[in-house]
N, C-alpha and C. Protein backbone atom coordinates (compact mmCIF):
# COMPACT_ATOMS: atom_id res chain seq x y z
N MET A 1 4.21 64.50 153.74
CA MET A 1 2.77 64.57 153.73
C MET A 1 2.34 65.65 152.75
N PHE A 2 1.40 65.33 151.89
CA PHE A 2 0.90 66.25 150.89
C PHE A 2 -0.39 66.91 151.39
N ILE A 3 -0.43 68.21 151.28
CA ILE A 3 -1.65 68.95 151.63
C ILE A 3 -2.10 69.69 150.39
N ASP A 4 -3.34 69.47 150.00
CA ASP A 4 -3.92 70.17 148.86
C ASP A 4 -4.45 71.52 149.36
N TYR A 5 -3.58 72.53 149.32
CA TYR A 5 -3.94 73.83 149.87
C TYR A 5 -5.09 74.49 149.10
N ASP A 6 -5.14 74.30 147.80
CA ASP A 6 -6.25 74.87 147.03
C ASP A 6 -7.58 74.30 147.52
N ARG A 7 -7.63 73.00 147.70
CA ARG A 7 -8.86 72.34 148.17
C ARG A 7 -9.20 72.82 149.58
N THR A 8 -8.19 72.90 150.43
CA THR A 8 -8.40 73.35 151.81
C THR A 8 -8.94 74.78 151.83
N LEU A 9 -8.37 75.66 151.02
CA LEU A 9 -8.86 77.04 150.95
C LEU A 9 -10.31 77.08 150.46
N ARG A 10 -10.63 76.28 149.46
CA ARG A 10 -12.02 76.25 148.96
C ARG A 10 -12.98 75.79 150.05
N GLN A 11 -12.57 74.80 150.84
CA GLN A 11 -13.43 74.30 151.91
C GLN A 11 -13.62 75.36 153.00
N ILE A 12 -12.55 76.04 153.36
CA ILE A 12 -12.66 77.10 154.37
C ILE A 12 -13.57 78.22 153.85
N GLU A 13 -13.36 78.62 152.60
CA GLU A 13 -14.18 79.68 152.01
C GLU A 13 -15.64 79.27 151.94
N ALA A 14 -15.92 78.01 151.62
CA ALA A 14 -17.30 77.54 151.55
C ALA A 14 -17.95 77.58 152.93
N GLU A 15 -17.20 77.19 153.94
CA GLU A 15 -17.75 77.23 155.30
C GLU A 15 -17.94 78.67 155.77
N LEU A 16 -17.01 79.55 155.42
CA LEU A 16 -17.20 80.97 155.73
C LEU A 16 -18.46 81.51 155.07
N ALA A 17 -18.70 81.12 153.84
CA ALA A 17 -19.91 81.58 153.14
C ALA A 17 -21.16 81.07 153.85
N ARG A 18 -21.14 79.80 154.29
CA ARG A 18 -22.30 79.24 155.00
C ARG A 18 -22.54 79.97 156.32
N VAL A 19 -21.48 80.21 157.07
CA VAL A 19 -21.62 80.92 158.33
C VAL A 19 -22.10 82.35 158.06
N GLY A 20 -21.58 82.95 156.99
CA GLY A 20 -22.01 84.29 156.61
C GLY A 20 -23.49 84.36 156.31
N VAL A 21 -24.01 83.36 155.63
CA VAL A 21 -25.45 83.32 155.33
C VAL A 21 -26.23 83.21 156.64
N ALA A 22 -25.77 82.34 157.52
CA ALA A 22 -26.47 82.16 158.80
C ALA A 22 -26.46 83.44 159.63
N MET A 23 -25.38 84.22 159.50
CA MET A 23 -25.26 85.46 160.27
C MET A 23 -25.84 86.66 159.53
N GLY A 24 -26.26 86.47 158.29
CA GLY A 24 -26.82 87.58 157.52
C GLY A 24 -25.77 88.54 157.00
N ILE A 25 -24.56 88.04 156.77
CA ILE A 25 -23.48 88.90 156.30
C ILE A 25 -23.63 89.16 154.80
N ASP A 26 -23.53 90.43 154.44
CA ASP A 26 -23.51 90.83 153.04
C ASP A 26 -22.05 91.11 152.70
N TRP A 27 -21.40 90.18 151.99
CA TRP A 27 -19.98 90.29 151.70
C TRP A 27 -19.66 91.50 150.83
N ALA A 28 -20.65 92.06 150.17
CA ALA A 28 -20.44 93.21 149.29
C ALA A 28 -20.56 94.55 150.05
N ASP A 29 -21.04 94.52 151.28
CA ASP A 29 -21.21 95.74 152.08
C ASP A 29 -19.86 96.07 152.74
N GLU A 30 -19.13 97.00 152.11
CA GLU A 30 -17.76 97.27 152.55
C GLU A 30 -17.69 97.86 153.95
N SER A 31 -18.64 98.70 154.32
CA SER A 31 -18.58 99.26 155.68
C SER A 31 -18.85 98.18 156.72
N ARG A 32 -19.77 97.28 156.42
CA ARG A 32 -20.05 96.17 157.34
C ARG A 32 -18.86 95.22 157.41
N MET A 33 -18.20 95.00 156.28
CA MET A 33 -17.03 94.12 156.26
C MET A 33 -15.88 94.73 157.06
N ARG A 34 -15.69 96.04 156.98
CA ARG A 34 -14.65 96.70 157.79
C ARG A 34 -14.95 96.53 159.27
N ALA A 35 -16.22 96.71 159.64
CA ALA A 35 -16.61 96.54 161.04
C ALA A 35 -16.38 95.09 161.49
N LEU A 36 -16.68 94.16 160.63
CA LEU A 36 -16.46 92.75 160.95
C LEU A 36 -14.97 92.44 161.08
N ALA A 37 -14.15 92.99 160.18
CA ALA A 37 -12.70 92.78 160.26
C ALA A 37 -12.16 93.37 161.56
N LYS A 38 -12.64 94.54 161.95
CA LYS A 38 -12.20 95.15 163.21
C LYS A 38 -12.62 94.27 164.38
N GLU A 39 -13.82 93.74 164.32
CA GLU A 39 -14.31 92.85 165.38
C GLU A 39 -13.42 91.60 165.49
N VAL A 40 -13.03 91.04 164.35
CA VAL A 40 -12.16 89.86 164.35
C VAL A 40 -10.81 90.22 164.95
N PHE A 41 -10.22 91.35 164.54
CA PHE A 41 -8.94 91.79 165.09
C PHE A 41 -9.04 91.99 166.61
N ASP A 42 -10.10 92.66 167.04
CA ASP A 42 -10.28 92.89 168.48
C ASP A 42 -10.37 91.57 169.24
N HIS A 43 -11.08 90.62 168.66
CA HIS A 43 -11.21 89.29 169.29
C HIS A 43 -9.84 88.63 169.41
N TRP A 44 -9.07 88.66 168.33
CA TRP A 44 -7.73 88.04 168.34
C TRP A 44 -6.82 88.73 169.34
N HIS A 45 -6.85 90.08 169.38
CA HIS A 45 -5.97 90.81 170.29
C HIS A 45 -6.37 90.62 171.75
N ALA A 46 -7.61 90.27 172.00
CA ALA A 46 -8.08 90.03 173.36
C ALA A 46 -7.73 88.61 173.82
N GLY A 47 -7.11 87.85 172.97
CA GLY A 47 -6.74 86.48 173.33
C GLY A 47 -7.53 85.45 172.55
N GLY A 48 -8.74 85.77 172.23
CA GLY A 48 -9.55 84.93 171.35
C GLY A 48 -9.88 83.55 171.84
N ASN A 49 -9.75 83.30 173.13
CA ASN A 49 -9.97 81.94 173.60
C ASN A 49 -11.25 81.73 174.38
N ALA A 50 -11.91 82.79 174.77
CA ALA A 50 -13.12 82.65 175.57
C ALA A 50 -14.22 81.98 174.76
N ALA A 51 -14.74 80.89 175.29
CA ALA A 51 -15.81 80.16 174.60
C ALA A 51 -17.14 80.85 174.87
N PRO A 52 -18.00 80.93 173.85
CA PRO A 52 -19.31 81.55 174.06
C PRO A 52 -20.21 80.59 174.83
N PRO A 53 -21.25 81.13 175.48
CA PRO A 53 -22.21 80.24 176.14
C PRO A 53 -22.85 79.30 175.11
N ARG A 54 -23.03 78.06 175.48
CA ARG A 54 -23.57 77.07 174.54
C ARG A 54 -24.99 77.38 174.08
N THR A 55 -25.68 78.23 174.78
CA THR A 55 -27.06 78.56 174.43
C THR A 55 -27.18 79.79 173.55
N ASP A 56 -26.09 80.51 173.36
CA ASP A 56 -26.12 81.74 172.57
C ASP A 56 -25.66 81.45 171.14
N ARG A 57 -26.62 81.13 170.27
CA ARG A 57 -26.30 80.75 168.89
C ARG A 57 -25.57 81.86 168.13
N ARG A 58 -25.94 83.09 168.40
CA ARG A 58 -25.31 84.22 167.71
C ARG A 58 -23.82 84.28 168.04
N GLN A 59 -23.49 84.14 169.31
CA GLN A 59 -22.08 84.18 169.71
C GLN A 59 -21.32 82.95 169.23
N ILE A 60 -21.98 81.81 169.19
CA ILE A 60 -21.36 80.60 168.66
C ILE A 60 -20.99 80.81 167.20
N SER A 61 -21.90 81.39 166.42
CA SER A 61 -21.62 81.67 165.01
C SER A 61 -20.48 82.66 164.87
N ARG A 62 -20.45 83.67 165.71
CA ARG A 62 -19.38 84.67 165.66
C ARG A 62 -18.02 84.01 165.94
N HIS A 63 -17.98 83.18 166.96
CA HIS A 63 -16.72 82.50 167.29
C HIS A 63 -16.29 81.55 166.17
N LYS A 64 -17.25 80.92 165.54
CA LYS A 64 -16.92 80.06 164.41
C LYS A 64 -16.34 80.89 163.27
N LEU A 65 -16.92 82.05 163.03
CA LEU A 65 -16.41 82.96 162.00
C LEU A 65 -14.98 83.38 162.33
N TYR A 66 -14.73 83.78 163.58
CA TYR A 66 -13.38 84.19 163.98
C TYR A 66 -12.38 83.07 163.71
N GLY A 67 -12.75 81.85 164.08
CA GLY A 67 -11.85 80.72 163.88
C GLY A 67 -11.61 80.42 162.42
N LEU A 68 -12.65 80.51 161.61
CA LEU A 68 -12.50 80.25 160.17
C LEU A 68 -11.62 81.29 159.51
N VAL A 69 -11.76 82.54 159.91
CA VAL A 69 -10.91 83.59 159.34
C VAL A 69 -9.46 83.33 159.73
N ALA A 70 -9.23 82.95 160.99
CA ALA A 70 -7.87 82.63 161.43
C ALA A 70 -7.31 81.45 160.65
N LEU A 71 -8.12 80.43 160.45
CA LEU A 71 -7.69 79.26 159.69
C LEU A 71 -7.37 79.63 158.24
N LEU A 72 -8.17 80.51 157.66
CA LEU A 72 -7.91 80.98 156.31
C LEU A 72 -6.56 81.70 156.23
N VAL A 73 -6.30 82.57 157.19
CA VAL A 73 -5.05 83.33 157.21
C VAL A 73 -3.86 82.38 157.36
N VAL A 74 -3.93 81.46 158.29
CA VAL A 74 -2.82 80.53 158.52
C VAL A 74 -2.59 79.65 157.29
N THR A 75 -3.66 79.20 156.68
CA THR A 75 -3.53 78.36 155.48
C THR A 75 -2.89 79.14 154.35
N MET A 76 -3.30 80.38 154.17
CA MET A 76 -2.72 81.19 153.10
C MET A 76 -1.24 81.49 153.37
N GLN A 77 -0.86 81.67 154.63
CA GLN A 77 0.54 81.90 154.97
C GLN A 77 1.38 80.66 154.74
N SER A 78 0.78 79.49 154.92
CA SER A 78 1.50 78.23 154.75
C SER A 78 1.69 77.87 153.29
N ALA A 79 0.85 78.41 152.43
CA ALA A 79 0.87 78.02 151.03
C ALA A 79 0.81 79.23 150.12
N PRO A 80 1.88 80.02 150.07
CA PRO A 80 1.87 81.16 149.16
C PRO A 80 1.64 80.69 147.73
N GLY A 81 0.78 81.36 147.05
CA GLY A 81 0.49 80.99 145.67
C GLY A 81 -0.68 80.04 145.55
N ALA A 82 -1.07 79.41 146.65
CA ALA A 82 -2.24 78.52 146.60
C ALA A 82 -3.49 79.38 146.51
N GLY A 83 -4.46 78.89 145.85
CA GLY A 83 -5.72 79.61 145.75
C GLY A 83 -5.60 80.90 144.99
N ASP A 84 -4.98 80.84 143.83
CA ASP A 84 -4.79 82.05 143.04
C ASP A 84 -6.12 82.68 142.61
N GLU A 85 -7.19 81.92 142.61
CA GLU A 85 -8.52 82.42 142.25
C GLU A 85 -9.34 82.58 143.53
N PRO A 86 -9.19 83.71 144.24
CA PRO A 86 -9.92 83.87 145.50
C PRO A 86 -11.42 83.98 145.28
N SER A 87 -12.15 83.45 146.23
CA SER A 87 -13.61 83.54 146.19
C SER A 87 -14.03 84.97 146.54
N PRO A 88 -15.29 85.31 146.29
CA PRO A 88 -15.78 86.63 146.69
C PRO A 88 -15.66 86.85 148.20
N VAL A 89 -15.81 85.78 148.98
CA VAL A 89 -15.68 85.89 150.44
C VAL A 89 -14.26 86.30 150.80
N ARG A 90 -13.27 85.62 150.22
CA ARG A 90 -11.87 85.94 150.53
C ARG A 90 -11.52 87.34 150.03
N GLN A 91 -12.02 87.71 148.88
CA GLN A 91 -11.76 89.06 148.36
C GLN A 91 -12.35 90.12 149.28
N ALA A 92 -13.57 89.89 149.76
CA ALA A 92 -14.21 90.86 150.66
C ALA A 92 -13.43 90.97 151.96
N LEU A 93 -13.00 89.84 152.51
CA LEU A 93 -12.22 89.87 153.75
C LEU A 93 -10.89 90.57 153.54
N ALA A 94 -10.23 90.29 152.43
CA ALA A 94 -8.93 90.91 152.14
C ALA A 94 -9.07 92.43 152.04
N ARG A 95 -10.09 92.90 151.33
CA ARG A 95 -10.32 94.35 151.22
C ARG A 95 -10.59 94.96 152.60
N ALA A 96 -11.41 94.27 153.39
CA ALA A 96 -11.77 94.80 154.71
C ALA A 96 -10.56 94.88 155.64
N PHE A 97 -9.76 93.82 155.67
CA PHE A 97 -8.59 93.84 156.55
C PHE A 97 -7.57 94.86 156.06
N SER A 98 -7.41 94.99 154.75
CA SER A 98 -6.49 95.99 154.21
C SER A 98 -6.94 97.40 154.58
N SER A 99 -8.23 97.64 154.53
CA SER A 99 -8.73 98.99 154.79
C SER A 99 -8.58 99.39 156.25
N ILE A 100 -8.66 98.43 157.18
CA ILE A 100 -8.53 98.83 158.58
C ILE A 100 -7.07 98.91 159.01
N GLN A 101 -6.16 98.36 158.21
CA GLN A 101 -4.75 98.44 158.54
C GLN A 101 -4.09 99.67 157.92
N ALA A 102 -4.76 100.28 156.97
CA ALA A 102 -4.19 101.44 156.28
C ALA A 102 -4.19 102.67 157.13
């Protein structure tokens, strides 16, 4: 089975950008991105499975963001070298995750 990892990464990045717009995320705000990366890590370490209430749009968007970031990470691990031209969203996330792990 052939998987076009470059296309898949572009689709994930595009959806992350859309969710980011809906959430008011400024991908260039490094302090906000670090806080967001920490929030994603905390969510994953807590198990990451609790579904948000269906009426809380803000939490639904947050959970969608957590899932998309996880999907991005798994896709990148599955296809080293794919997506050599990272989008600004992926670059911002990479910087943020690197900074909180240092």
